[in-house]
C-alpha cells in the first residue's frame, strides 16, 4: 500500500495537506488569542529569585551570601569560583573557532 493511499484524499503525495484544507481550523489560535494569559507562574527562575531576596538575621540577602561564599572559595584557590566571578563581572572571554569547509580542496604547499 502506497503512502498516499494511507493518508486519504486530504493529503497530497508528499504527505502535506492539500490546498483548501480545513482540518484543525477550529482549534488554531485566532488573532488576538493569548495561549498563556497568566504567564509562567511558579517558574524555577521566579522561585530562585524569591529565595535570593530573602534576608538572614544580619540583613544580608541570600544572593549576597552566595556571592560572598563564591568569593571566599575563589580566594582559597578554587579555579571554578574564579571563572564564575570573572565571567559575571568582566564578561565571558570571546571564543574563537577556525571553521574549515570540507568541500574545499586541500592545498599542499612545499617550501624549499
PDB file of N, CA and C in Angstrom:
ATOM      1  N   UNK A   1       0.847  -1.178   0.000  1.00  0.00           N
ATOM      2  CA  UNK A   1       0.000   0.000   0.000  1.00  0.00           C
ATOM      3  C   UNK A   1       0.892   1.241   0.000  1.00  0.00           C
ATOM      4  N   UNK A   2       0.640   2.159  -0.894  1.00  0.00           N
ATOM      5  CA  UNK A   2       1.444   3.376  -1.016  1.00  0.00           C
ATOM      6  C   UNK A   2       1.123   4.338   0.117  1.00  0.00           C
ATOM      7  N   UNK A   3       2.071   5.230   0.387  1.00  0.00           N
ATOM      8  CA  UNK A   3       1.905   6.192   1.471  1.00  0.00           C
ATOM      9  C   UNK A   3       0.687   7.086   1.248  1.00  0.00           C
ATOM     10  N   UNK A   4       0.460   7.496   0.008  1.00  0.00           N
ATOM     11  CA  UNK A   4      -0.660   8.382  -0.279  1.00  0.00           C
ATOM     12  C   UNK A   4      -1.998   7.672  -0.101  1.00  0.00           C
ATOM     13  N   UNK A   5      -2.021   6.331  -0.219  1.00  0.00           N
ATOM     14  CA  UNK A   5      -3.255   5.587  -0.006  1.00  0.00           C
ATOM     15  C   UNK A   5      -3.671   5.631   1.455  1.00  0.00           C
ATOM     16  N   UNK A   6      -2.694   5.565   2.368  1.00  0.00           N
ATOM     17  CA  UNK A   6      -2.976   5.580   3.798  1.00  0.00           C
ATOM     18  C   UNK A   6      -3.493   6.940   4.256  1.00  0.00           C
ATOM     19  N   UNK A   7      -3.063   8.007   3.598  1.00  0.00           N
ATOM     20  CA  UNK A   7      -3.386   9.357   4.045  1.00  0.00           C
ATOM     21  C   UNK A   7      -4.767   9.814   3.626  1.00  0.00           C
ATOM     22  N   UNK A   8      -5.380   9.140   2.729  1.00  0.00           N
ATOM     23  CA  UNK A   8      -6.696   9.549   2.279  1.00  0.00           C
ATOM     24  C   UNK A   8      -6.608  10.671   1.268  1.00  0.00           C
ATOM     25  N   UNK A   9      -7.735  11.295   1.015  1.00  0.00           N
ATOM     26  CA  UNK A   9      -7.787  12.335  -0.021  1.00  0.00           C
ATOM     27  C   UNK A   9      -7.488  13.728   0.518  1.00  0.00           C
ATOM     28  N   UNK A  10      -7.169  13.874   1.822  1.00  0.00           N
ATOM     29  CA  UNK A  10      -6.903  15.198   2.402  1.00  0.00           C
ATOM     30  C   UNK A  10      -5.448  15.608   2.262  1.00  0.00           C
ATOM     31  N   UNK A  11      -4.588  14.642   1.913  1.00  0.00           N
ATOM     32  CA  UNK A  11      -3.165  14.919   1.804  1.00  0.00           C
ATOM     33  C   UNK A  11      -2.672  14.624   0.401  1.00  0.00           C
ATOM     34  N   UNK A  12      -1.627  15.335   0.023  1.00  0.00           N
ATOM     35  CA  UNK A  12      -1.012  15.104  -1.269  1.00  0.00           C
ATOM     36  C   UNK A  12      -0.025  13.961  -1.187  1.00  0.00           C
ATOM     37  N   UNK A  13       0.621  13.661  -2.275  1.00  0.00           N
ATOM     38  CA  UNK A  13       1.581  12.576  -2.341  1.00  0.00           C
ATOM     39  C   UNK A  13       2.799  12.782  -1.457  1.00  0.00           C
ATOM     40  N   UNK A  14       3.119  14.043  -1.141  1.00  0.00           N
ATOM     41  CA  UNK A  14       4.274  14.333  -0.286  1.00  0.00           C
ATOM     42  C   UNK A  14       3.922  14.323   1.200  1.00  0.00           C
ATOM     43  N   UNK A  15       2.682  14.035   1.552  1.00  0.00           N
ATOM     44  CA  UNK A  15       2.269  13.970   2.941  1.00  0.00           C
ATOM     45  C   UNK A  15       1.719  15.260   3.495  1.00  0.00           C
ATOM     46  N   UNK A  16       1.845  16.364   2.765  1.00  0.00           N
ATOM     47  CA  UNK A  16       1.338  17.648   3.237  1.00  0.00           C
ATOM     48  C   UNK A  16      -0.147  17.766   2.903  1.00  0.00           C
ATOM     49  N   UNK A  17      -0.866  18.566   3.713  1.00  0.00           N
ATOM     50  CA  UNK A  17      -2.269  18.773   3.439  1.00  0.00           C
ATOM     51  C   UNK A  17      -2.439  19.511   2.119  1.00  0.00           C
ATOM     52  N   UNK A  18      -3.513  19.185   1.427  1.00  0.00           N
ATOM     53  CA  UNK A  18      -3.793  19.848   0.147  1.00  0.00           C
ATOM     54  C   UNK A  18      -4.303  21.259   0.405  1.00  0.00           C
ATOM     55  N   UNK A  19      -4.222  22.106  -0.620  1.00  0.00           N
ATOM     56  CA  UNK A  19      -4.734  23.480  -0.519  1.00  0.00           C
ATOM     57  C   UNK A  19      -6.221  23.450  -0.202  1.00  0.00           C
ATOM     58  N   UNK A  20      -6.643  24.382   0.630  1.00  0.00           N
ATOM     59  CA  UNK A  20      -8.054  24.467   0.991  1.00  0.00           C
ATOM     60  C   UNK A  20      -8.432  23.565   2.147  1.00  0.00           C
ATOM     61  N   UNK A  21      -7.487  22.922   2.760  1.00  0.00           N
ATOM     62  CA  UNK A  21      -7.763  22.032   3.882  1.00  0.00           C
ATOM     63  C   UNK A  21      -8.331  22.830   5.048  1.00  0.00           C
ATOM     64  N   UNK A  22      -9.336  22.288   5.711  1.00  0.00           N
ATOM     65  CA  UNK A  22      -9.934  22.986   6.861  1.00  0.00           C
ATOM     66  C   UNK A  22      -9.802  22.165   8.145  1.00  0.00           C
ATOM     67  N   UNK A  23      -9.041  21.074   8.103  1.00  0.00           N
ATOM     68  CA  UNK A  23      -8.844  20.262   9.298  1.00  0.00           C
ATOM     69  C   UNK A  23      -8.092  21.092  10.334  1.00  0.00           C
ATOM     70  N   UNK A  24      -8.610  21.160  11.536  1.00  0.00           N
ATOM     71  CA  UNK A  24      -7.958  21.859  12.634  1.00  0.00           C
ATOM     72  C   UNK A  24      -8.185  23.367  12.651  1.00  0.00           C
ATOM     73  N   UNK A  25      -8.979  23.899  11.726  1.00  0.00           N
ATOM     74  CA  UNK A  25      -9.198  25.361  11.696  1.00  0.00           C
ATOM     75  C   UNK A  25      -9.859  25.853  12.975  1.00  0.00           C
ATOM     76  N   UNK A  26     -10.772  25.050  13.537  1.00  0.00           N
ATOM     77  CA  UNK A  26     -11.486  25.488  14.732  1.00  0.00           C
ATOM     78  C   UNK A  26     -10.605  25.454  15.988  1.00  0.00           C
ATOM     79  N   UNK A  27      -9.480  24.743  15.957  1.00  0.00           N
ATOM     80  CA  UNK A  27      -8.599  24.683  17.123  1.00  0.00           C
ATOM     81  C   UNK A  27      -7.355  25.551  16.981  1.00  0.00           C
ATOM     82  N   UNK A  28      -7.160  26.192  15.831  1.00  0.00           N
ATOM     83  CA  UNK A  28      -5.999  27.062  15.654  1.00  0.00           C
ATOM     84  C   UNK A  28      -6.192  28.353  16.440  1.00  0.00           C
ATOM     85  N   UNK A  29      -5.073  28.986  16.804  1.00  0.00           N
ATOM     86  CA  UNK A  29      -5.158  30.260  17.502  1.00  0.00           C
ATOM     87  C   UNK A  29      -5.757  31.310  16.582  1.00  0.00           C
ATOM     88  N   UNK A  30      -6.667  32.070  17.136  1.00  0.00           N
ATOM     89  CA  UNK A  30      -7.249  33.183  16.397  1.00  0.00           C
ATOM     90  C   UNK A  30      -6.428  34.433  16.680  1.00  0.00           C
ATOM     91  N   UNK A  31      -6.519  35.419  15.818  1.00  0.00           N
ATOM     92  CA  UNK A  31      -5.784  36.659  16.007  1.00  0.00           C
ATOM     93  C   UNK A  31      -6.213  37.294  17.329  1.00  0.00           C
ATOM     94  N   UNK A  32      -5.228  37.639  18.154  1.00  0.00           N
ATOM     95  CA  UNK A  32      -5.506  38.252  19.441  1.00  0.00           C
ATOM     96  C   UNK A  32      -5.584  37.262  20.592  1.00  0.00           C
ATOM     97  N   UNK A  33      -5.654  35.956  20.292  1.00  0.00           N
ATOM     98  CA  UNK A  33      -5.660  34.957  21.357  1.00  0.00           C
ATOM     99  C   UNK A  33      -4.299  34.918  22.031  1.00  0.00           C
ATOM    100  N   UNK A  34      -4.287  34.749  23.335  1.00  0.00           N
ATOM    101  CA  UNK A  34      -3.044  34.608  24.083  1.00  0.00           C
ATOM    102  C   UNK A  34      -3.029  33.192  24.636  1.00  0.00           C
ATOM    103  N   UNK A  35      -2.075  32.372  24.217  1.00  0.00           N
ATOM    104  CA  UNK A  35      -2.079  30.981  24.642  1.00  0.00           C
ATOM    105  C   UNK A  35      -1.841  30.774  26.137  1.00  0.00           C
ATOM    106  N   UNK A  36      -1.164  31.696  26.795  1.00  0.00           N
ATOM    107  CA  UNK A  36      -0.882  31.564  28.219  1.00  0.00           C
ATOM    108  C   UNK A  36      -1.118  32.919  28.891  1.00  0.00           C
ATOM    109  N   UNK A  37      -2.373  33.259  29.157  1.00  0.00           N
ATOM    110  CA  UNK A  37      -2.674  34.610  29.654  1.00  0.00           C
ATOM    111  C   UNK A  37      -2.123  34.908  31.045  1.00  0.00           C
ATOM    112  N   UNK A  38      -1.868  33.881  31.857  1.00  0.00           N
ATOM    113  CA  UNK A  38      -1.372  34.105  33.223  1.00  0.00           C
ATOM    114  C   UNK A  38       0.143  34.111  33.315  1.00  0.00           C
ATOM    115  N   UNK A  39       0.828  33.930  32.200  1.00  0.00           N
ATOM    116  CA  UNK A  39       2.281  33.913  32.225  1.00  0.00           C
ATOM    117  C   UNK A  39       2.808  32.605  32.755  1.00  0.00           C
ATOM    118  N   UNK A  40       4.059  32.618  33.162  1.00  0.00           N
ATOM    119  CA  UNK A  40       4.711  31.394  33.616  1.00  0.00           C
ATOM    120  C   UNK A  40       4.824  31.397  35.137  1.00  0.00           C
ATOM    121  N   UNK A  41       3.695  31.322  35.805  1.00  0.00           N
ATOM    122  CA  UNK A  41       3.694  31.351  37.274  1.00  0.00           C
ATOM    123  C   UNK A  41       4.423  30.144  37.828  1.00  0.00           C
ATOM    124  N   UNK A  42       5.199  30.378  38.872  1.00  0.00           N
ATOM    125  CA  UNK A  42       5.886  29.287  39.544  1.00  0.00           C
ATOM    126  C   UNK A  42       7.082  28.749  38.791  1.00  0.00           C
ATOM    127  N   UNK A  43       7.569  29.487  37.803  1.00  0.00           N
ATOM    128  CA  UNK A  43       8.734  29.027  37.056  1.00  0.00           C
ATOM    129  C   UNK A  43       9.933  28.977  37.996  1.00  0.00           C
ATOM    130  N   UNK A  44      10.865  28.104  37.687  1.00  0.00           N
ATOM    131  CA  UNK A  44      12.027  27.905  38.553  1.00  0.00           C
ATOM    132  C   UNK A  44      12.794  29.206  38.777  1.00  0.00           C
ATOM    133  N   UNK A  45      12.962  30.005  37.739  1.00  0.00           N
ATOM    134  CA  UNK A  45      13.692  31.266  37.892  1.00  0.00           C
ATOM    135  C   UNK A  45      12.990  32.188  38.890  1.00  0.00           C
ATOM    136  N   UNK A  46      11.668  32.215  38.872  1.00  0.00           N
ATOM    137  CA  UNK A  46      10.923  33.057  39.810  1.00  0.00           C
ATOM    138  C   UNK A  46      11.115  32.578  41.248  1.00  0.00           C
ATOM    139  N   UNK A  47      11.110  31.268  41.429  1.00  0.00           N
ATOM    140  CA  UNK A  47      11.283  30.704  42.773  1.00  0.00           C
ATOM    141  C   UNK A  47      12.686  30.999  43.287  1.00  0.00           C
ATOM    142  N   UNK A  48      13.690  30.808  42.434  1.00  0.00           N
ATOM    143  CA  UNK A  48      15.077  31.079  42.842  1.00  0.00           C
ATOM    144  C   UNK A  48      15.249  32.552  43.181  1.00  0.00           C
ATOM    145  N   UNK A  49      14.698  33.444  42.370  1.00  0.00           N
ATOM    146  CA  UNK A  49      14.816  34.882  42.652  1.00  0.00           C
ATOM    147  C   UNK A  49      14.142  35.247  43.966  1.00  0.00           C
ATOM    148  N   UNK A  50      13.013  34.594  44.275  1.00  0.00           N
ATOM    149  CA  UNK A  50      12.329  34.861  45.540  1.00  0.00           C
ATOM    150  C   UNK A  50      13.209  34.438  46.722  1.00  0.00           C
ATOM    151  N   UNK A  51      13.830  33.269  46.613  1.00  0.00           N
ATOM    152  CA  UNK A  51      14.725  32.783  47.673  1.00  0.00           C
ATOM    153  C   UNK A  51      15.943  33.701  47.798  1.00  0.00           C
ATOM    154  N   UNK A  52      16.477  34.161  46.669  1.00  0.00           N
ATOM    155  CA  UNK A  52      17.639  35.057  46.684  1.00  0.00           C
ATOM    156  C   UNK A  52      17.346  36.345  47.436  1.00  0.00           C
ATOM    157  N   UNK A  53      16.129  36.837  47.385  1.00  0.00           N
ATOM    158  CA  UNK A  53      15.787  38.116  48.004  1.00  0.00           C
ATOM    159  C   UNK A  53      15.489  38.004  49.494  1.00  0.00           C
ATOM    160  N   UNK A  54      15.387  36.781  50.016  1.00  0.00           N
ATOM    161  CA  UNK A  54      15.142  36.611  51.451  1.00  0.00           C
ATOM    162  C   UNK A  54      16.370  37.066  52.231  1.00  0.00           C
ATOM    163  N   UNK A  55      16.122  37.677  53.398  1.00  0.00           N
ATOM    164  CA  UNK A  55      17.207  38.201  54.238  1.00  0.00           C
ATOM    165  C   UNK A  55      17.502  37.260  55.387  1.00  0.00           C
ATOM    166  N   UNK A  56      18.786  37.234  55.811  1.00  0.00           N
ATOM    167  CA  UNK A  56      19.149  36.471  57.005  1.00  0.00           C
ATOM    168  C   UNK A  56      19.043  37.395  58.217  1.00  0.00           C
ATOM    169  N   UNK A  57      19.462  36.910  59.373  1.00  0.00           N
ATOM    170  CA  UNK A  57      19.335  37.702  60.606  1.00  0.00           C
ATOM    171  C   UNK A  57      20.225  38.940  60.594  1.00  0.00           C
ATOM    172  N   UNK A  58      21.285  38.922  59.779  1.00  0.00           N
ATOM    173  CA  UNK A  58      22.193  40.070  59.693  1.00  0.00           C
ATOM    174  C   UNK A  58      21.747  41.074  58.637  1.00  0.00           C
ATOM    175  N   UNK A  59      20.655  40.792  57.933  1.00  0.00           N
ATOM    176  CA  UNK A  59      20.129  41.720  56.940  1.00  0.00           C
ATOM    177  C   UNK A  59      20.673  41.528  55.534  1.00  0.00           C
ATOM    178  N   UNK A  60      21.506  40.516  55.334  1.00  0.00           N
ATOM    179  CA  UNK A  60      22.051  40.259  54.000  1.00  0.00           C
ATOM    180  C   UNK A  60      21.111  39.326  53.241  1.00  0.00           C
ATOM    181  N   UNK A  61      21.011  39.543  51.947  1.00  0.00           N
ATOM    182  CA  UNK A  61      20.186  38.656  51.128  1.00  0.00           C
ATOM    183  C   UNK A  61      20.931  37.351  50.876  1.00  0.00           C
ATOM    184  N   UNK A  62      20.167  36.328  50.531  1.00  0.00           N
ATOM    185  CA  UNK A  62      20.792  35.039  50.206  1.00  0.00           C
ATOM    186  C   UNK A  62      21.709  35.166  48.995  1.00  0.00           C
ATOM    187  N   UNK A  63      21.337  36.033  48.076  1.00  0.00           N
ATOM    188  CA  UNK A  63      22.180  36.236  46.888  1.00  0.00           C
ATOM    189  C   UNK A  63      23.526  36.815  47.302  1.00  0.00           C
ATOM    190  N   UNK A  64      23.513  37.796  48.196  1.00  0.00           N
ATOM    191  CA  UNK A  64      24.767  38.387  48.673  1.00  0.00           C
ATOM    192  C   UNK A  64      25.602  37.348  49.420  1.00  0.00           C
ATOM    193  N   UNK A  65      24.955  36.527  50.228  1.00  0.00           N
ATOM    194  CA  UNK A  65      25.678  35.487  50.963  1.00  0.00           C
ATOM    195  C   UNK A  65      26.318  34.493  49.992  1.00  0.00           C
ATOM    196  N   UNK A  66      25.590  34.145  48.912  1.00  0.00           N
ATOM    197  CA  UNK A  66      26.124  33.207  47.928  1.00  0.00           C
ATOM    198  C   UNK A  66      27.346  33.796  47.233  1.00  0.00           C
ATOM    199  N   UNK A  67      27.258  35.064  46.830  1.00  0.00           N
ATOM    200  CA  UNK A  67      28.381  35.701  46.148  1.00  0.00           C
ATOM    201  C   UNK A  67      29.580  35.783  47.080  1.00  0.00           C
ATOM    202  N   UNK A  68      29.357  36.103  48.334  1.00  0.00           N
ATOM    203  CA  UNK A  68      30.469  36.158  49.296  1.00  0.00           C
ATOM    204  C   UNK A  68      31.113  34.785  49.482  1.00  0.00           C
ATOM    205  N   UNK A  69      30.294  33.724  49.489  1.00  0.00           N
ATOM    206  CA  UNK A  69      30.842  32.371  49.639  1.00  0.00           C
ATOM    207  C   UNK A  69      31.671  31.992  48.414  1.00  0.00           C
ATOM    208  N   UNK A  70      31.172  32.325  47.215  1.00  0.00           N
ATOM    209  CA  UNK A  70      31.928  32.025  45.996  1.00  0.00           C
ATOM    210  C   UNK A  70      33.228  32.832  45.988  1.00  0.00           C
ATOM    211  N   UNK A  71      33.184  34.075  46.446  1.00  0.00           N
ATOM    212  CA  UNK A  71      34.382  34.902  46.526  1.00  0.00           C
ATOM    213  C   UNK A  71      35.401  34.271  47.472  1.00  0.00           C
ATOM    214  N   UNK A  72      34.917  33.785  48.615  1.00  0.00           N
ATOM    215  CA  UNK A  72      35.814  33.132  49.584  1.00  0.00           C
ATOM    216  C   UNK A  72      36.445  31.887  48.960  1.00  0.00           C
ATOM    217  N   UNK A  73      35.654  31.115  48.203  1.00  0.00           N
ATOM    218  CA  UNK A  73      36.183  29.926  47.532  1.00  0.00           C
ATOM    219  C   UNK A  73      37.260  30.318  46.526  1.00  0.00           C
ATOM    220  N   UNK A  74      37.017  31.411  45.787  1.00  0.00           N
ATOM    221  CA  UNK A  74      37.999  31.880  44.810  1.00  0.00           C
ATOM    222  C   UNK A  74      39.298  32.287  45.499  1.00  0.00           C
ATOM    223  N   UNK A  75      39.190  32.959  46.648  1.00  0.00           N
ATOM    224  CA  UNK A  75      40.373  33.386  47.383  1.00  0.00           C
ATOM    225  C   UNK A  75      41.138  32.192  47.961  1.00  0.00           C
ATOM    226  N   UNK A  76      40.450  31.062  48.145  1.00  0.00           N
ATOM    227  CA  UNK A  76      41.105  29.846  48.643  1.00  0.00           C
ATOM    228  C   UNK A  76      41.649  28.987  47.513  1.00  0.00           C
ATOM    229  N   UNK A  77      41.579  29.498  46.276  1.00  0.00           N
ATOM    230  CA  UNK A  77      42.215  28.796  45.170  1.00  0.00           C
ATOM    231  C   UNK A  77      41.299  28.014  44.245  1.00  0.00           C
ATOM    232  N   UNK A  78      39.985  28.129  44.388  1.00  0.00           N
ATOM    233  CA  UNK A  78      39.069  27.396  43.511  1.00  0.00           C
ATOM    234  C   UNK A  78      39.016  28.078  42.146  1.00  0.00           C
ATOM    235  N   UNK A  79      39.571  27.404  41.147  1.00  0.00           N
ATOM    236  CA  UNK A  79      39.593  27.974  39.801  1.00  0.00           C
ATOM    237  C   UNK A  79      38.177  28.127  39.244  1.00  0.00           C
ATOM    238  N   UNK A  80      37.288  27.196  39.566  1.00  0.00           N
ATOM    239  CA  UNK A  80      35.895  27.291  39.116  1.00  0.00           C
ATOM    240  C   UNK A  80      35.226  28.548  39.657  1.00  0.00           C
ATOM    241  N   UNK A  81      35.486  28.860  40.929  1.00  0.00           N
ATOM    242  CA  UNK A  81      34.916  30.067  41.540  1.00  0.00           C
ATOM    243  C   UNK A  81      35.502  31.323  40.905  1.00  0.00           C
ATOM    244  N   UNK A  82      36.791  31.288  40.600  1.00  0.00           N
ATOM    245  CA  UNK A  82      37.436  32.429  39.927  1.00  0.00           C
ATOM    246  C   UNK A  82      36.776  32.652  38.567  1.00  0.00           C
ATOM    247  N   UNK A  83      36.617  31.570  37.807  1.00  0.00           N
ATOM    248  CA  UNK A  83      35.982  31.683  36.484  1.00  0.00           C
ATOM    249  C   UNK A  83      34.558  32.195  36.600  1.00  0.00           C
ATOM    250  N   UNK A  84      33.807  31.684  37.561  1.00  0.00           N
ATOM    251  CA  UNK A  84      32.418  32.107  37.766  1.00  0.00           C
ATOM    252  C   UNK A  84      32.336  33.611  38.014  1.00  0.00           C
ATOM    253  N   UNK A  85      33.161  34.097  38.942  1.00  0.00           N
ATOM    254  CA  UNK A  85      33.119  35.520  39.275  1.00  0.00           C
ATOM    255  C   UNK A  85      33.601  36.391  38.127  1.00  0.00           C
ATOM    256  N   UNK A  86      34.684  35.971  37.461  1.00  0.00           N
ATOM    257  CA  UNK A  86      35.210  36.799  36.372  1.00  0.00           C
ATOM    258  C   UNK A  86      34.259  36.816  35.182  1.00  0.00           C
ATOM    259  N   UNK A  87      33.582  35.694  34.913  1.00  0.00           N
ATOM    260  CA  UNK A  87      32.601  35.675  33.825  1.00  0.00           C
ATOM    261  C   UNK A  87      31.463  36.650  34.084  1.00  0.00           C
ATOM    262  N   UNK A  88      31.071  36.792  35.340  1.00  0.00           N
ATOM    263  CA  UNK A  88      29.937  37.657  35.651  1.00  0.00           C
ATOM    264  C   UNK A  88      30.320  39.116  35.851  1.00  0.00           C
ATOM    265  N   UNK A  89      31.581  39.371  36.138  1.00  0.00           N
ATOM    266  CA  UNK A  89      31.987  40.766  36.323  1.00  0.00           C
ATOM    267  C   UNK A  89      32.659  41.338  35.082  1.00  0.00           C
ATOM    268  N   UNK A  90      33.488  40.551  34.430  1.00  0.00           N
ATOM    269  CA  UNK A  90      34.232  41.026  33.255  1.00  0.00           C
ATOM    270  C   UNK A  90      33.584  40.600  31.950  1.00  0.00           C
ATOM    271  N   UNK A  91      32.670  39.659  32.009  1.00  0.00           N
ATOM    272  CA  UNK A  91      32.075  39.098  30.797  1.00  0.00           C
ATOM    273  C   UNK A  91      32.898  37.906  30.340  1.00  0.00           C
ATOM    274  N   UNK A  92      32.236  36.979  29.687  1.00  0.00           N
ATOM    275  CA  UNK A  92      32.945  35.791  29.210  1.00  0.00           C
ATOM    276  C   UNK A  92      33.904  36.170  28.102  1.00  0.00           C
ATOM    277  N   UNK A  93      35.033  35.486  28.076  1.00  0.00           N
ATOM    278  CA  UNK A  93      36.022  35.723  27.027  1.00  0.00           C
ATOM    279  C   UNK A  93      35.457  35.241  25.695  1.00  0.00           C
ATOM    280  N   UNK A  94      35.772  35.958  24.636  1.00  0.00           N
ATOM    281  CA  UNK A  94      35.300  35.555  23.318  1.00  0.00           C
ATOM    282  C   UNK A  94      35.986  34.266  22.909  1.00  0.00           C
ATOM    283  N   UNK A  95      35.197  33.366  22.377  1.00  0.00           N
ATOM    284  CA  UNK A  95      35.727  32.093  21.922  1.00  0.00           C
ATOM    285  C   UNK A  95      35.888  32.167  20.414  1.00  0.00           C
ATOM    286  N   UNK A  96      37.087  31.904  19.954  1.00  0.00           N
ATOM    287  CA  UNK A  96      37.373  31.981  18.522  1.00  0.00           C
ATOM    288  C   UNK A  96      37.563  30.567  18.005  1.00  0.00           C
ATOM    289  N   UNK A  97      36.855  30.257  16.937  1.00  0.00           N
ATOM    290  CA  UNK A  97      36.969  28.937  16.324  1.00  0.00           C
ATOM    291  C   UNK A  97      37.306  29.101  14.857  1.00  0.00           C
ATOM    292  N   UNK A  98      38.177  28.245  14.409  1.00  0.00           N
ATOM    293  CA  UNK A  98      38.528  28.246  12.993  1.00  0.00           C
ATOM    294  C   UNK A  98      37.575  27.287  12.285  1.00  0.00           C
ATOM    295  N   UNK A  99      36.955  27.775  11.248  1.00  0.00           N
ATOM    296  CA  UNK A  99      35.990  26.965  10.511  1.00  0.00           C
ATOM    297  C   UNK A  99      36.600  26.580   9.174  1.00  0.00           C
ATOM    298  N   UNK A 100      36.588  25.308   8.910  1.00  0.00           N
ATOM    299  CA  UNK A 100      37.072  24.836   7.617  1.00  0.00           C
ATOM    300  C   UNK A 100      35.895  24.235   6.862  1.00  0.00           C
ATOM    301  N   UNK A 101      35.914  24.393   5.571  1.00  0.00           N
ATOM    302  CA  UNK A 101      34.856  23.851   4.736  1.00  0.00           C
ATOM    303  C   UNK A 101      35.340  22.551   4.118  1.00  0.00           C
ATOM    304  N   UNK A 102      34.605  21.503   4.350  1.00  0.00           N
ATOM    305  CA  UNK A 102      35.030  20.197   3.888  1.00  0.00           C
ATOM    306  C   UNK A 102      34.926  20.041   2.369  1.00  0.00           C
ATOM    307  N   UNK A 103      34.159  20.912   1.745  1.00  0.00           N
ATOM    308  CA  UNK A 103      34.002  20.771   0.294  1.00  0.00           C
ATOM    309  C   UNK A 103      35.095  21.506  -0.495  1.00  0.00           C
ATOM    310  N   UNK A 104      35.982  22.184   0.214  1.00  0.00           N
ATOM    311  CA  UNK A 104      37.094  22.857  -0.471  1.00  0.00           C
ATOM    312  C   UNK A 104      38.259  21.873  -0.594  1.00  0.00           C
ATOM    313  N   UNK A 105      39.009  21.941  -1.685  1.00  0.00           N
ATOM    314  CA  UNK A 105      40.152  21.034  -1.823  1.00  0.00           C
ATOM    315  C   UNK A 105      41.273  21.395  -0.851  1.00  0.00           C
ATOM    316  N   UNK A 106      42.019  20.408  -0.433  1.00  0.00           N
ATOM    317  CA  UNK A 106      43.145  20.629   0.467  1.00  0.00           C
ATOM    318  C   UNK A 106      44.321  21.183  -0.361  1.00  0.00           C
ATOM    319  N   UNK A 107      44.923  22.253   0.132  1.00  0.00           N
ATOM    320  CA  UNK A 107      46.056  22.829  -0.579  1.00  0.00           C
ATOM    321  C   UNK A 107      47.350  22.356   0.086  1.00  0.00           C
ATOM    322  N   UNK A 108      48.243  21.826  -0.710  1.00  0.00           N
ATOM    323  CA  UNK A 108      49.521  21.371  -0.201  1.00  0.00           C
ATOM    324  C   UNK A 108      50.592  22.335  -0.686  1.00  0.00           C
ATOM    325  N   UNK A 109      51.361  22.870   0.249  1.00  0.00           N
ATOM    326  CA  UNK A 109      52.392  23.835  -0.097  1.00  0.00           C
ATOM    327  C   UNK A 109      53.747  23.212   0.212  1.00  0.00           C
ATOM    328  N   UNK A 110      54.679  23.389  -0.676  1.00  0.00           N
ATOM    329  CA  UNK A 110      56.040  22.928  -0.429  1.00  0.00           C
ATOM    330  C   UNK A 110      56.949  24.137  -0.325  1.00  0.00           C
ATOM    331  N   UNK A 111      57.793  24.099   0.685  1.00  0.00           N
ATOM    332  CA  UNK A 111      58.712  25.204   0.921  1.00  0.00           C
ATOM    333  C   UNK A 111      60.123  24.680   0.701  1.00  0.00           C
ATOM    334  N   UNK A 112      60.868  25.332  -0.177  1.00  0.00           N
ATOM    335  CA  UNK A 112      62.245  24.899  -0.469  1.00  0.00           C
ATOM    336  C   UNK A 112      63.224  25.533   0.496  1.00  0.00           C
TER     337      UNK A 112
END
